[in-house]
Amino acid sequence: NKEIDIGLVPVAVLPSLEEYYIESEYCIGTEGEVASVALFSEVPLQAIETVLLDYQSQTSVALLKYLMKEYWGIHPKIITTKDESYRAKIKGTTAGLVIGDRAFEQRKISTFMFDLGAEWLKITGLPFVFAVWASTQPLPEKFNEEFDKANAVGISRIDEIVKAADFPLFDLRKYYQLHLNYRLDDRKRKGMEVFLNYIQQL
């Protein structure tokens, strides 16, 4: 409806847009282990019979399906969840995709954790991009310059943000500075291209 100039758009959503423009040199990505997006289980991969999908992330779900089919070679029953209650069902041969802060909680509960960012790097040798700044129409170059300056300022203040946060589950400084990566460089663009080519074939 053109009411929003720019938004942080999940990569898996991009193909559903009639038209889009990636505007910024910043993104939400990872160059390996992301820590907050993982498949959790009580059994090894080959023993998993059912996978519960996190209801909050289309991109993570698409990435997991890619890994299961093309890399791990497993074909479990897939169940889409609707609320937080699914995490209690991650037991026995039932695994679950968990993202965000809840993944930091789950890693203290489950026996096995398969980090999707790390697994993607193993199979492709490329970083993974979860979300990009995109618009439905081209934005002025001056806007992009100022927008990227604002992004740079925010990233430069990660230490301040971490100090102000009360989060005992995980080392936030390590998470924001090592597990996440924010520059949309050529390698990330290539990783995103490979991923988009895959999901368009689904």
Protein backbone atom coordinates (compact mmCIF):
# COMPACT_ATOMS: atom_id res chain seq x y z
CA ASN A 1 0.00 0.00 0.00
CA LYS A 2 3.13 2.21 -0.19
CA GLU A 3 2.60 3.56 3.34
CA ILE A 4 6.00 2.23 4.44
CA ASP A 5 9.19 3.41 2.72
CA ILE A 6 11.43 0.56 3.81
CA GLY A 7 11.18 -2.53 5.99
CA LEU A 8 13.30 -5.39 7.31
CA VAL A 9 11.94 -8.21 5.14
CA PRO A 10 12.56 -11.94 5.68
CA VAL A 11 14.41 -13.30 2.65
CA ALA A 12 11.88 -16.11 2.15
CA VAL A 13 9.13 -13.49 1.71
CA LEU A 14 10.86 -11.69 -1.17
CA PRO A 15 9.62 -14.00 -3.97
CA SER A 16 6.02 -13.35 -2.89
CA LEU A 17 6.36 -9.61 -3.50
CA GLU A 18 5.26 -8.29 -6.88
CA GLU A 19 8.25 -5.95 -6.93
CA TYR A 20 11.01 -5.21 -4.45
CA TYR A 21 14.30 -3.36 -4.18
CA ILE A 22 17.07 -4.21 -1.74
CA GLU A 23 18.07 -0.78 -0.58
CA SER A 24 20.65 -1.01 2.18
CA GLU A 25 24.14 -2.39 2.57
CA TYR A 26 22.99 -3.86 5.88
CA CYS A 27 21.10 -7.05 6.69
CA ILE A 28 20.59 -9.69 9.36
CA GLY A 29 22.97 -12.48 8.46
CA THR A 30 25.48 -14.96 9.76
CA GLU A 31 28.80 -16.30 8.55
CA GLY A 32 28.47 -19.63 10.33
CA GLU A 33 26.95 -20.58 13.67
CA VAL A 34 24.02 -18.25 14.34
CA ALA A 35 23.14 -19.71 17.78
CA SER A 36 19.50 -18.58 17.71
CA VAL A 37 18.14 -20.71 14.84
CA ALA A 38 18.43 -24.44 15.33
CA LEU A 39 16.79 -27.84 15.15
CA PHE A 40 16.63 -29.42 18.61
CA SER A 41 16.09 -33.08 19.40
CA GLU A 42 16.71 -35.89 21.86
CA VAL A 43 18.02 -38.22 19.15
CA PRO A 44 20.53 -38.01 16.26
CA LEU A 45 19.34 -36.68 12.90
CA GLN A 46 18.77 -40.07 11.29
CA ALA A 47 16.50 -41.15 14.17
CA ILE A 48 14.18 -38.14 13.91
CA GLU A 49 10.68 -39.14 12.79
CA THR A 50 8.75 -35.87 13.22
CA VAL A 51 9.77 -32.21 13.02
CA LEU A 52 7.74 -29.39 14.55
CA LEU A 53 8.20 -26.11 12.69
CA ASP A 54 8.55 -22.83 14.53
CA TYR A 55 5.56 -20.61 13.78
CA GLN A 56 7.55 -17.35 13.73
CA SER A 57 9.95 -17.55 10.78
CA GLN A 58 9.31 -18.45 7.14
CA THR A 59 12.99 -18.07 6.26
CA SER A 60 14.19 -20.45 8.97
CA VAL A 61 11.53 -22.99 8.01
CA ALA A 62 12.57 -22.87 4.34
CA LEU A 63 16.24 -23.22 5.32
CA LEU A 64 15.48 -26.24 7.49
CA LYS A 65 13.54 -27.93 4.68
CA TYR A 66 16.49 -27.34 2.35
CA LEU A 67 18.96 -28.86 4.81
CA MET A 68 16.75 -31.88 5.54
CA LYS A 69 16.25 -32.69 1.87
CA GLU A 70 19.53 -31.70 0.24
CA TYR A 71 22.12 -32.21 2.97
CA TRP A 72 20.95 -34.42 5.81
CA GLY A 73 18.88 -36.73 3.61
CA ILE A 74 16.07 -37.14 6.13
CA HIS A 75 12.35 -37.09 5.40
CA PRO A 76 10.47 -36.78 8.70
CA LYS A 77 6.81 -35.94 9.11
CA ILE A 78 6.47 -32.14 9.13
CA ILE A 79 4.04 -30.40 11.46
CA THR A 80 3.42 -26.64 11.39
CA THR A 81 2.83 -25.22 14.85
CA LYS A 82 0.62 -22.32 15.90
CA ASP A 83 1.78 -21.35 19.37
CA GLU A 84 4.50 -21.76 21.98
CA SER A 85 3.14 -25.05 23.33
CA TYR A 86 4.95 -27.06 20.65
CA ARG A 87 8.27 -26.85 22.51
CA ALA A 88 6.98 -29.20 25.20
CA LYS A 89 6.54 -31.84 22.49
CA ILE A 90 10.22 -31.85 21.53
CA LYS A 91 11.08 -35.26 22.95
CA GLY A 92 11.63 -38.83 21.86
CA THR A 93 11.90 -38.96 18.07
CA THR A 94 10.11 -35.61 17.68
CA ALA A 95 12.43 -32.68 16.98
CA GLY A 96 11.62 -28.99 16.76
CA LEU A 97 12.86 -25.87 15.01
CA VAL A 98 13.26 -23.10 17.57
CA ILE A 99 14.39 -19.53 16.89
CA GLY A 100 15.23 -16.37 18.80
CA ASP A 101 15.53 -16.08 22.57
CA ARG A 102 13.60 -19.33 22.92
CA ALA A 103 16.48 -21.14 21.20
CA PHE A 104 18.81 -20.02 23.99
CA GLU A 105 16.40 -21.60 26.46
CA GLN A 106 16.00 -24.78 24.42
CA ARG A 107 19.74 -25.40 24.12
CA LYS A 108 19.78 -25.95 27.89
CA ILE A 109 17.05 -28.59 27.57
CA SER A 110 17.66 -30.66 24.44
CA THR A 111 20.41 -33.24 23.93
CA PHE A 112 21.12 -32.40 20.29
CA MET A 113 21.29 -28.99 18.62
CA PHE A 114 21.79 -28.55 14.88
CA ASP A 115 22.63 -24.92 14.14
CA LEU A 116 21.13 -23.96 10.77
CA GLY A 117 23.66 -21.23 10.01
CA ALA A 118 26.59 -23.58 10.61
CA GLU A 119 24.97 -26.34 8.55
CA TRP A 120 24.31 -23.95 5.64
CA LEU A 121 27.98 -22.91 5.67
CA LYS A 122 29.07 -26.56 5.56
CA ILE A 123 27.01 -27.37 2.47
CA THR A 124 27.45 -24.13 0.49
CA GLY A 125 30.58 -22.48 1.86
CA LEU A 126 28.54 -19.27 1.97
CA PRO A 127 27.06 -16.98 4.63
CA PHE A 128 23.31 -16.97 5.17
CA VAL A 129 21.02 -13.93 5.10
CA PHE A 130 17.83 -14.06 7.15
CA ALA A 131 16.44 -10.59 6.37
CA VAL A 132 17.22 -7.54 4.23
CA TRP A 133 16.09 -3.94 4.13
CA ALA A 134 13.77 -3.71 1.13
CA SER A 135 11.24 -1.38 -0.46
CA THR A 136 8.55 -1.77 -3.11
CA GLN A 137 9.86 1.18 -5.10
CA PRO A 138 13.34 2.67 -5.60
CA LEU A 139 14.37 5.09 -2.86
CA PRO A 140 16.60 8.16 -3.32
CA GLU A 141 20.34 7.59 -3.00
CA LYS A 142 20.50 10.25 -0.29
CA PHE A 143 17.97 8.31 1.78
CA ASN A 144 20.06 5.15 1.54
CA GLU A 145 23.19 7.02 2.58
CA GLU A 146 21.53 8.44 5.68
CA PHE A 147 19.82 5.15 6.46
CA ASP A 148 23.09 3.24 6.33
CA LYS A 149 24.74 5.84 8.55
CA ALA A 150 22.01 5.22 11.12
CA ASN A 151 22.56 1.47 10.88
CA ALA A 152 26.30 1.94 11.38
CA VAL A 153 25.71 4.04 14.50
CA GLY A 154 23.43 1.40 15.98
CA ILE A 155 25.93 -1.39 15.36
CA SER A 156 28.76 0.67 16.84
CA ARG A 157 26.81 0.88 20.10
CA ILE A 158 26.36 -2.84 20.65
CA ASP A 159 28.48 -2.71 23.81
CA GLU A 160 26.14 -0.11 25.31
CA ILE A 161 23.09 -2.15 24.36
CA VAL A 162 24.53 -5.30 25.91
CA LYS A 163 25.44 -3.55 29.16
CA ALA A 164 21.86 -2.31 29.50
CA ALA A 165 20.34 -5.75 28.90
CA ASP A 166 19.57 -8.31 31.58
CA PHE A 167 19.87 -11.59 29.69
CA PRO A 168 21.47 -14.49 31.58
CA LEU A 169 20.75 -17.19 28.98
CA PHE A 170 23.54 -16.33 26.55
CA ASP A 171 26.51 -14.01 26.07
CA LEU A 172 24.82 -11.20 24.15
CA ARG A 173 28.07 -9.50 23.19
CA LYS A 174 29.24 -12.73 21.58
CA TYR A 175 25.85 -13.19 19.91
CA TYR A 176 25.58 -9.70 18.41
CA GLN A 177 29.23 -9.39 17.42
CA LEU A 178 30.23 -12.92 16.41
CA HIS A 179 27.13 -14.96 15.61
CA LEU A 180 25.30 -12.21 13.71
CA ASN A 181 26.79 -10.23 10.85
CA TYR A 182 25.26 -7.13 9.36
CA ARG A 183 27.07 -6.15 6.15
CA LEU A 184 25.35 -7.26 2.95
CA ASP A 185 28.57 -7.96 1.07
CA ASP A 186 29.09 -9.92 -2.15
CA ARG A 187 29.35 -13.30 -0.40
CA LYS A 188 26.10 -12.75 1.45
CA ARG A 189 24.41 -11.69 -1.76
CA LYS A 190 25.62 -14.91 -3.38
CA GLY A 191 24.37 -16.96 -0.43
CA MET A 192 21.01 -15.23 -0.68
CA GLU A 193 20.86 -15.92 -4.43
CA VAL A 194 21.50 -19.64 -3.87
CA PHE A 195 18.81 -19.79 -1.18
CA LEU A 196 16.23 -17.89 -3.25
CA ASN A 197 16.86 -20.16 -6.23
CA TYR A 198 16.10 -23.13 -4.01
CA ILE A 199 12.88 -21.88 -2.46
CA GLN A 200 11.56 -20.79 -5.86
CA GLN A 201 11.77 -24.45 -6.91
CA LEU A 202 9.62 -25.63 -4.01
